[in-house]
All heavy atoms as atom14 arrays in JSON, in Angstrom:
{
  "sequence": "INGKAEEGKKLSEKVLVSHMQSELSSVKRAHSPLDLVR",
  "atom14_mask": [
    [1, 1, 1, 1, 1, 1, 1, 1, 0, 0, 0, 0, 0, 0],
    [1, 1, 1, 1, 1, 1, 1, 1, 0, 0, 0, 0, 0, 0],
    [1, 1, 1, 1, 0, 0, 0, 0, 0, 0, 0, 0, 0, 0],
    [1, 1, 1, 1, 1, 1, 1, 1, 1, 0, 0, 0, 0, 0],
    [1, 1, 1, 1, 1, 0, 0, 0, 0, 0, 0, 0, 0, 0],
    [1, 1, 1, 1, 1, 1, 1, 1, 1, 0, 0, 0, 0, 0],
    [1, 1, 1, 1, 1, 1, 1, 1, 1, 0, 0, 0, 0, 0],
    [1, 1, 1, 1, 0, 0, 0, 0, 0, 0, 0, 0, 0, 0],
    [1, 1, 1, 1, 1, 1, 1, 1, 1, 0, 0, 0, 0, 0],
    [1, 1, 1, 1, 1, 1, 1, 1, 1, 0, 0, 0, 0, 0],
    [1, 1, 1, 1, 1, 1, 1, 1, 0, 0, 0, 0, 0, 0],
    [1, 1, 1, 1, 1, 1, 0, 0, 0, 0, 0, 0, 0, 0],
    [1, 1, 1, 1, 1, 1, 1, 1, 1, 0, 0, 0, 0, 0],
    [1, 1, 1, 1, 1, 1, 1, 1, 1, 0, 0, 0, 0, 0],
    [1, 1, 1, 1, 1, 1, 1, 0, 0, 0, 0, 0, 0, 0],
    [1, 1, 1, 1, 1, 1, 1, 1, 0, 0, 0, 0, 0, 0],
    [1, 1, 1, 1, 1, 1, 1, 0, 0, 0, 0, 0, 0, 0],
    [1, 1, 1, 1, 1, 1, 0, 0, 0, 0, 0, 0, 0, 0],
    [1, 1, 1, 1, 1, 1, 1, 1, 1, 1, 0, 0, 0, 0],
    [1, 1, 1, 1, 1, 1, 1, 1, 0, 0, 0, 0, 0, 0],
    [1, 1, 1, 1, 1, 1, 1, 1, 1, 0, 0, 0, 0, 0],
    [1, 1, 1, 1, 1, 1, 0, 0, 0, 0, 0, 0, 0, 0],
    [1, 1, 1, 1, 1, 1, 1, 1, 1, 0, 0, 0, 0, 0],
    [1, 1, 1, 1, 1, 1, 1, 1, 0, 0, 0, 0, 0, 0],
    [1, 1, 1, 1, 1, 1, 0, 0, 0, 0, 0, 0, 0, 0],
    [1, 1, 1, 1, 1, 1, 0, 0, 0, 0, 0, 0, 0, 0],
    [1, 1, 1, 1, 1, 1, 1, 0, 0, 0, 0, 0, 0, 0],
    [1, 1, 1, 1, 1, 1, 1, 1, 1, 0, 0, 0, 0, 0],
    [1, 1, 1, 1, 1, 1, 1, 1, 1, 1, 1, 0, 0, 0],
    [1, 1, 1, 1, 1, 0, 0, 0, 0, 0, 0, 0, 0, 0],
    [1, 1, 1, 1, 1, 1, 1, 1, 1, 1, 0, 0, 0, 0],
    [1, 1, 1, 1, 1, 1, 0, 0, 0, 0, 0, 0, 0, 0],
    [1, 1, 1, 1, 1, 1, 1, 0, 0, 0, 0, 0, 0, 0],
    [1, 1, 1, 1, 1, 1, 1, 1, 0, 0, 0, 0, 0, 0],
    [1, 1, 1, 1, 1, 1, 1, 1, 0, 0, 0, 0, 0, 0],
    [1, 1, 1, 1, 1, 1, 1, 1, 0, 0, 0, 0, 0, 0],
    [1, 1, 1, 1, 1, 1, 1, 0, 0, 0, 0, 0, 0, 0],
    [1, 1, 1, 1, 1, 1, 1, 1, 1, 1, 1, 0, 0, 0]
  ],
  "atom14_positions": [
    [[37.7, 46.76, 1.12], [38.25, 47.57, 0.04], [37.36, 47.52, -1.19], [37.18, 48.52, -1.9], [39.69, 47.1, -0.3], [40.61, 47.34, 0.9], [40.22, 47.83, -1.53], [42.0, 46.77, 0.72], [0.0, 0.0, 0.0], [0.0, 0.0, 0.0], [0.0, 0.0, 0.0], [0.0, 0.0, 0.0], [0.0, 0.0, 0.0], [0.0, 0.0, 0.0]],
    [[36.76, 46.36, -1.44], [35.89, 46.19, -2.61], [34.46, 46.64, -2.37], [33.59, 46.46, -3.23], [35.89, 44.72, -3.06], [37.16, 44.34, -3.82], [37.85, 45.21, -4.35], [37.47, 43.06, -3.86], [0.0, 0.0, 0.0], [0.0, 0.0, 0.0], [0.0, 0.0, 0.0], [0.0, 0.0, 0.0], [0.0, 0.0, 0.0], [0.0, 0.0, 0.0]],
    [[34.21, 47.25, -1.19], [32.86, 47.73, -0.9], [31.88, 46.63, -0.58], [30.66, 46.78, -0.78], [0.0, 0.0, 0.0], [0.0, 0.0, 0.0], [0.0, 0.0, 0.0], [0.0, 0.0, 0.0], [0.0, 0.0, 0.0], [0.0, 0.0, 0.0], [0.0, 0.0, 0.0], [0.0, 0.0, 0.0], [0.0, 0.0, 0.0], [0.0, 0.0, 0.0]],
    [[32.36, 45.49, -0.05], [31.5, 44.37, 0.3], [31.75, 43.95, 1.74], [31.9, 42.75, 2.06], [31.74, 43.18, -0.65], [31.36, 43.47, -2.09], [31.43, 42.23, -2.95], [30.93, 42.5, -4.37], [30.89, 41.27, -5.2], [0.0, 0.0, 0.0], [0.0, 0.0, 0.0], [0.0, 0.0, 0.0], [0.0, 0.0, 0.0], [0.0, 0.0, 0.0]],
    [[31.81, 44.95, 2.62], [32.11, 44.69, 4.03], [31.1, 43.76, 4.67], [31.45, 42.88, 5.47], [32.2, 46.01, 4.8], [0.0, 0.0, 0.0], [0.0, 0.0, 0.0], [0.0, 0.0, 0.0], [0.0, 0.0, 0.0], [0.0, 0.0, 0.0], [0.0, 0.0, 0.0], [0.0, 0.0, 0.0], [0.0, 0.0, 0.0], [0.0, 0.0, 0.0]],
    [[29.81, 43.93, 4.35], [28.77, 43.09, 4.95], [28.95, 41.62, 4.56], [28.8, 40.72, 5.39], [27.38, 43.59, 4.54], [27.01, 44.95, 5.11], [27.04, 44.95, 6.64], [26.58, 43.94, 7.24], [27.51, 45.94, 7.22], [0.0, 0.0, 0.0], [0.0, 0.0, 0.0], [0.0, 0.0, 0.0], [0.0, 0.0, 0.0], [0.0, 0.0, 0.0]],
    [[29.26, 41.4, 3.28], [29.5, 40.02, 2.83], [30.71, 39.42, 3.55], [30.72, 38.24, 3.9], [29.7, 39.97, 1.32], [28.46, 40.23, 0.5], [28.2, 41.72, 0.29], [28.8, 42.54, 1.02], [27.4, 42.06, -0.61], [0.0, 0.0, 0.0], [0.0, 0.0, 0.0], [0.0, 0.0, 0.0], [0.0, 0.0, 0.0], [0.0, 0.0, 0.0]],
    [[31.73, 40.27, 3.78], [32.93, 39.8, 4.46], [32.66, 39.4, 5.89], [33.23, 38.42, 6.4], [0.0, 0.0, 0.0], [0.0, 0.0, 0.0], [0.0, 0.0, 0.0], [0.0, 0.0, 0.0], [0.0, 0.0, 0.0], [0.0, 0.0, 0.0], [0.0, 0.0, 0.0], [0.0, 0.0, 0.0], [0.0, 0.0, 0.0], [0.0, 0.0, 0.0]],
    [[31.78, 40.14, 6.57], [31.47, 39.83, 7.97], [30.75, 38.5, 8.11], [30.8, 37.86, 9.17], [30.61, 40.95, 8.55], [31.37, 42.26, 8.75], [30.45, 43.33, 9.3], [31.19, 44.67, 9.46], [30.29, 45.74, 9.97], [0.0, 0.0, 0.0], [0.0, 0.0, 0.0], [0.0, 0.0, 0.0], [0.0, 0.0, 0.0], [0.0, 0.0, 0.0]],
    [[30.06, 38.07, 7.07], [29.32, 36.81, 7.13], [30.24, 35.59, 7.0], [29.83, 34.47, 7.29], [28.28, 36.77, 6.02], [27.19, 37.84, 6.16], [26.23, 37.8, 4.98], [25.18, 38.91, 5.1], [24.25, 38.92, 3.94], [0.0, 0.0, 0.0], [0.0, 0.0, 0.0], [0.0, 0.0, 0.0], [0.0, 0.0, 0.0], [0.0, 0.0, 0.0]],
    [[31.49, 35.84, 6.55], [32.42, 34.74, 6.42], [32.92, 34.3, 7.79], [32.99, 35.08, 8.73], [33.62, 35.15, 5.56], [33.36, 35.4, 4.08], [34.64, 35.88, 3.41], [32.85, 34.14, 3.39], [0.0, 0.0, 0.0], [0.0, 0.0, 0.0], [0.0, 0.0, 0.0], [0.0, 0.0, 0.0], [0.0, 0.0, 0.0], [0.0, 0.0, 0.0]],
    [[33.28, 33.04, 7.87], [33.87, 32.5, 9.09], [34.89, 31.43, 8.69], [34.91, 30.98, 7.54], [32.8, 31.89, 10.0], [32.21, 30.77, 9.36], [0.0, 0.0, 0.0], [0.0, 0.0, 0.0], [0.0, 0.0, 0.0], [0.0, 0.0, 0.0], [0.0, 0.0, 0.0], [0.0, 0.0, 0.0], [0.0, 0.0, 0.0], [0.0, 0.0, 0.0]],
    [[35.7, 31.02, 9.66], [36.67, 29.98, 9.37], [35.97, 28.69, 8.96], [36.44, 27.95, 8.1], [37.55, 29.73, 10.59], [38.5, 30.89, 10.91], [39.42, 30.57, 12.07], [40.08, 29.51, 12.0], [39.47, 31.35, 13.03], [0.0, 0.0, 0.0], [0.0, 0.0, 0.0], [0.0, 0.0, 0.0], [0.0, 0.0, 0.0], [0.0, 0.0, 0.0]],
    [[34.81, 28.44, 9.57], [34.06, 27.24, 9.22], [33.61, 27.27, 7.77], [33.66, 26.25, 7.07], [32.86, 27.11, 10.16], [32.06, 25.83, 9.96], [30.92, 25.74, 10.96], [30.12, 24.45, 10.76], [29.01, 24.34, 11.73], [0.0, 0.0, 0.0], [0.0, 0.0, 0.0], [0.0, 0.0, 0.0], [0.0, 0.0, 0.0], [0.0, 0.0, 0.0]],
    [[33.18, 28.45, 7.3], [32.76, 28.6, 5.92], [33.93, 28.36, 4.97], [33.8, 27.66, 3.95], [32.15, 29.99, 5.68], [31.91, 30.23, 4.19], [30.85, 30.16, 6.45], [0.0, 0.0, 0.0], [0.0, 0.0, 0.0], [0.0, 0.0, 0.0], [0.0, 0.0, 0.0], [0.0, 0.0, 0.0], [0.0, 0.0, 0.0], [0.0, 0.0, 0.0]],
    [[35.08, 28.93, 5.32], [36.27, 28.77, 4.46], [36.66, 27.3, 4.35], [36.94, 26.79, 3.26], [37.44, 29.58, 5.02], [37.27, 31.1, 5.09], [38.56, 31.74, 5.59], [36.88, 31.68, 3.74], [0.0, 0.0, 0.0], [0.0, 0.0, 0.0], [0.0, 0.0, 0.0], [0.0, 0.0, 0.0], [0.0, 0.0, 0.0], [0.0, 0.0, 0.0]],
    [[36.68, 26.63, 5.49], [37.07, 25.22, 5.5], [36.07, 24.37, 4.72], [36.44, 23.46, 3.98], [37.22, 24.72, 6.94], [37.45, 23.21, 6.97], [38.36, 25.44, 7.64], [0.0, 0.0, 0.0], [0.0, 0.0, 0.0], [0.0, 0.0, 0.0], [0.0, 0.0, 0.0], [0.0, 0.0, 0.0], [0.0, 0.0, 0.0], [0.0, 0.0, 0.0]],
    [[34.78, 24.69, 4.87], [33.76, 23.91, 4.16], [33.86, 24.07, 2.66], [33.6, 23.14, 1.89], [32.37, 24.33, 4.63], [32.08, 25.67, 4.26], [0.0, 0.0, 0.0], [0.0, 0.0, 0.0], [0.0, 0.0, 0.0], [0.0, 0.0, 0.0], [0.0, 0.0, 0.0], [0.0, 0.0, 0.0], [0.0, 0.0, 0.0], [0.0, 0.0, 0.0]],
    [[34.24, 25.28, 2.2], [34.38, 25.52, 0.76], [35.59, 24.78, 0.18], [35.62, 24.49, -1.02], [34.53, 27.02, 0.48], [33.21, 27.73, 0.35], [32.38, 27.95, 1.41], [32.57, 28.25, -0.74], [31.3, 28.59, 1.01], [31.38, 28.78, -0.29], [0.0, 0.0, 0.0], [0.0, 0.0, 0.0], [0.0, 0.0, 0.0], [0.0, 0.0, 0.0]],
    [[36.59, 24.5, 1.0], [37.81, 23.89, 0.49], [38.07, 22.55, 1.16], [39.22, 22.16, 1.35], [38.99, 24.84, 0.69], [38.84, 26.16, -0.04], [40.32, 27.18, 0.0], [41.45, 26.21, -0.98], [0.0, 0.0, 0.0], [0.0, 0.0, 0.0], [0.0, 0.0, 0.0], [0.0, 0.0, 0.0], [0.0, 0.0, 0.0], [0.0, 0.0, 0.0]],
    [[37.0, 21.83, 1.52], [37.15, 20.58, 2.24], [37.95, 19.55, 1.45], [38.86, 18.9, 1.98], [35.78, 20.02, 2.58], [35.83, 18.87, 3.59], [36.45, 19.29, 4.91], [36.07, 20.3, 5.48], [37.42, 18.52, 5.37], [0.0, 0.0, 0.0], [0.0, 0.0, 0.0], [0.0, 0.0, 0.0], [0.0, 0.0, 0.0], [0.0, 0.0, 0.0]],
    [[37.62, 19.41, 0.17], [38.32, 18.4, -0.64], [39.79, 18.77, -0.82], [40.66, 17.9, -0.8], [37.65, 18.26, -2.0], [37.69, 19.48, -2.72], [0.0, 0.0, 0.0], [0.0, 0.0, 0.0], [0.0, 0.0, 0.0], [0.0, 0.0, 0.0], [0.0, 0.0, 0.0], [0.0, 0.0, 0.0], [0.0, 0.0, 0.0], [0.0, 0.0, 0.0]],
    [[40.06, 20.07, -0.98], [41.43, 20.51, -1.15], [42.24, 20.3, 0.13], [43.38, 19.86, 0.09], [41.48, 21.99, -1.56], [40.93, 22.28, -2.95], [39.43, 22.56, -2.9], [38.78, 22.13, -1.91], [38.91, 23.18, -3.84], [0.0, 0.0, 0.0], [0.0, 0.0, 0.0], [0.0, 0.0, 0.0], [0.0, 0.0, 0.0], [0.0, 0.0, 0.0]],
    [[41.61, 20.62, 1.28], [42.31, 20.46, 2.54], [42.6, 19.0, 2.85], [43.66, 18.67, 3.4], [41.49, 21.09, 3.67], [41.41, 22.61, 3.67], [40.36, 23.09, 4.65], [42.76, 23.21, 4.0], [0.0, 0.0, 0.0], [0.0, 0.0, 0.0], [0.0, 0.0, 0.0], [0.0, 0.0, 0.0], [0.0, 0.0, 0.0], [0.0, 0.0, 0.0]],
    [[41.69, 18.13, 2.49], [41.9, 16.71, 2.76], [43.06, 16.15, 1.94], [43.68, 15.17, 2.32], [40.63, 15.92, 2.46], [40.29, 16.02, 1.09], [0.0, 0.0, 0.0], [0.0, 0.0, 0.0], [0.0, 0.0, 0.0], [0.0, 0.0, 0.0], [0.0, 0.0, 0.0], [0.0, 0.0, 0.0], [0.0, 0.0, 0.0], [0.0, 0.0, 0.0]],
    [[43.34, 16.81, 0.8], [44.41, 16.32, -0.08], [45.79, 16.74, 0.36], [46.78, 16.23, -0.15], [44.17, 16.8, -1.51], [44.42, 18.19, -1.6], [0.0, 0.0, 0.0], [0.0, 0.0, 0.0], [0.0, 0.0, 0.0], [0.0, 0.0, 0.0], [0.0, 0.0, 0.0], [0.0, 0.0, 0.0], [0.0, 0.0, 0.0], [0.0, 0.0, 0.0]],
    [[45.88, 17.7, 1.3], [47.21, 18.2, 1.71], [47.61, 17.66, 3.08], [48.49, 18.21, 3.72], [47.22, 19.74, 1.72], [47.03, 20.27, 0.34], [46.17, 20.3, 2.68], [0.0, 0.0, 0.0], [0.0, 0.0, 0.0], [0.0, 0.0, 0.0], [0.0, 0.0, 0.0], [0.0, 0.0, 0.0], [0.0, 0.0, 0.0], [0.0, 0.0, 0.0]],
    [[46.93, 16.6, 3.53], [47.33, 16.01, 4.8], [48.71, 15.38, 4.68], [49.45, 15.28, 5.65], [46.3, 14.97, 5.23], [44.96, 15.61, 5.62], [43.97, 14.55, 6.07], [42.65, 15.21, 6.48], [41.63, 14.21, 6.89], [0.0, 0.0, 0.0], [0.0, 0.0, 0.0], [0.0, 0.0, 0.0], [0.0, 0.0, 0.0], [0.0, 0.0, 0.0]],
    [[49.04, 14.93, 3.5], [50.4, 14.43, 3.29], [51.26, 15.52, 2.68], [50.77, 16.42, 2.02], [50.37, 13.21, 2.35], [49.98, 13.51, 0.92], [50.02, 12.25, 0.08], [49.71, 12.51, -1.3], [50.6, 12.88, -2.21], [51.86, 13.06, -1.87], [50.23, 13.08, -3.47], [0.0, 0.0, 0.0], [0.0, 0.0, 0.0], [0.0, 0.0, 0.0]],
    [[52.56, 15.43, 2.92], [53.48, 16.44, 2.41], [53.65, 16.27, 0.91], [53.59, 15.16, 0.37], [54.83, 16.3, 3.12], [0.0, 0.0, 0.0], [0.0, 0.0, 0.0], [0.0, 0.0, 0.0], [0.0, 0.0, 0.0], [0.0, 0.0, 0.0], [0.0, 0.0, 0.0], [0.0, 0.0, 0.0], [0.0, 0.0, 0.0], [0.0, 0.0, 0.0]],
    [[53.85, 17.4, 0.25], [54.09, 17.37, -1.19], [55.54, 17.75, -1.48], [56.17, 18.49, -0.72], [53.15, 18.34, -1.91], [51.72, 17.89, -1.91], [51.23, 16.98, -2.82], [50.68, 18.21, -1.1], [49.95, 16.77, -2.59], [49.59, 17.5, -1.55], [0.0, 0.0, 0.0], [0.0, 0.0, 0.0], [0.0, 0.0, 0.0], [0.0, 0.0, 0.0]],
    [[56.05, 17.25, -2.57], [57.43, 17.54, -2.98], [57.46, 17.73, -4.49], [56.5, 17.4, -5.19], [58.34, 16.37, -2.58], [58.12, 15.25, -3.44], [0.0, 0.0, 0.0], [0.0, 0.0, 0.0], [0.0, 0.0, 0.0], [0.0, 0.0, 0.0], [0.0, 0.0, 0.0], [0.0, 0.0, 0.0], [0.0, 0.0, 0.0], [0.0, 0.0, 0.0]],
    [[58.58, 18.26, -5.0], [58.69, 18.43, -6.45], [58.53, 17.12, -7.23], [58.21, 17.15, -8.42], [60.1, 19.01, -6.62], [60.35, 19.75, -5.34], [59.69, 18.91, -4.28], [0.0, 0.0, 0.0], [0.0, 0.0, 0.0], [0.0, 0.0, 0.0], [0.0, 0.0, 0.0], [0.0, 0.0, 0.0], [0.0, 0.0, 0.0], [0.0, 0.0, 0.0]],
    [[58.73, 15.97, -6.57], [58.55, 14.69, -7.26], [57.1, 14.48, -7.69], [56.83, 13.72, -8.62], [58.99, 13.54, -6.35], [60.5, 13.39, -6.11], [60.77, 12.26, -5.15], [61.23, 13.17, -7.43], [0.0, 0.0, 0.0], [0.0, 0.0, 0.0], [0.0, 0.0, 0.0], [0.0, 0.0, 0.0], [0.0, 0.0, 0.0], [0.0, 0.0, 0.0]],
    [[56.17, 15.17, -7.02], [54.77, 15.05, -7.41], [54.51, 15.6, -8.8], [53.47, 15.32, -9.4], [53.88, 15.79, -6.4], [53.82, 15.07, -5.06], [53.74, 13.83, -5.07], [53.88, 15.75, -4.02], [0.0, 0.0, 0.0], [0.0, 0.0, 0.0], [0.0, 0.0, 0.0], [0.0, 0.0, 0.0], [0.0, 0.0, 0.0], [0.0, 0.0, 0.0]],
    [[55.44, 16.38, -9.32], [55.29, 16.94, -10.66], [55.38, 15.86, -11.74], [54.9, 16.07, -12.86], [56.35, 18.02, -10.92], [56.23, 19.29, -10.08], [57.49, 20.15, -10.24], [55.0, 20.09, -10.49], [0.0, 0.0, 0.0], [0.0, 0.0, 0.0], [0.0, 0.0, 0.0], [0.0, 0.0, 0.0], [0.0, 0.0, 0.0], [0.0, 0.0, 0.0]],
    [[55.99, 14.73, -11.42], [56.15, 13.66, -12.43], [55.66, 12.32, -11.9], [55.84, 11.3, -12.57], [57.63, 13.55, -12.87], [58.06, 14.79, -13.62], [58.55, 13.31, -11.67], [0.0, 0.0, 0.0], [0.0, 0.0, 0.0], [0.0, 0.0, 0.0], [0.0, 0.0, 0.0], [0.0, 0.0, 0.0], [0.0, 0.0, 0.0], [0.0, 0.0, 0.0]],
    [[55.04, 12.3, -10.72], [54.65, 11.02, -10.12], [53.47, 10.37, -10.84], [53.38, 9.15, -10.97], [54.31, 11.22, -8.65], [54.35, 9.94, -7.83], [53.88, 10.2, -6.41], [54.65, 11.23, -5.76], [55.79, 11.05, -5.12], [56.31, 9.83, -5.07], [56.42, 12.04, -4.54], [0.0, 0.0, 0.0], [0.0, 0.0, 0.0], [0.0, 0.0, 0.0]]
  ]
}
């Protein structure tokens, strides 16, 4: 839609995971509203 189809085709699940590795590692445990004040 944004006219960047070629850039989109270069993406892969591996690329997405690599970009958010630190974030993904932090959600291995469940989160709850208590984390708002923990």
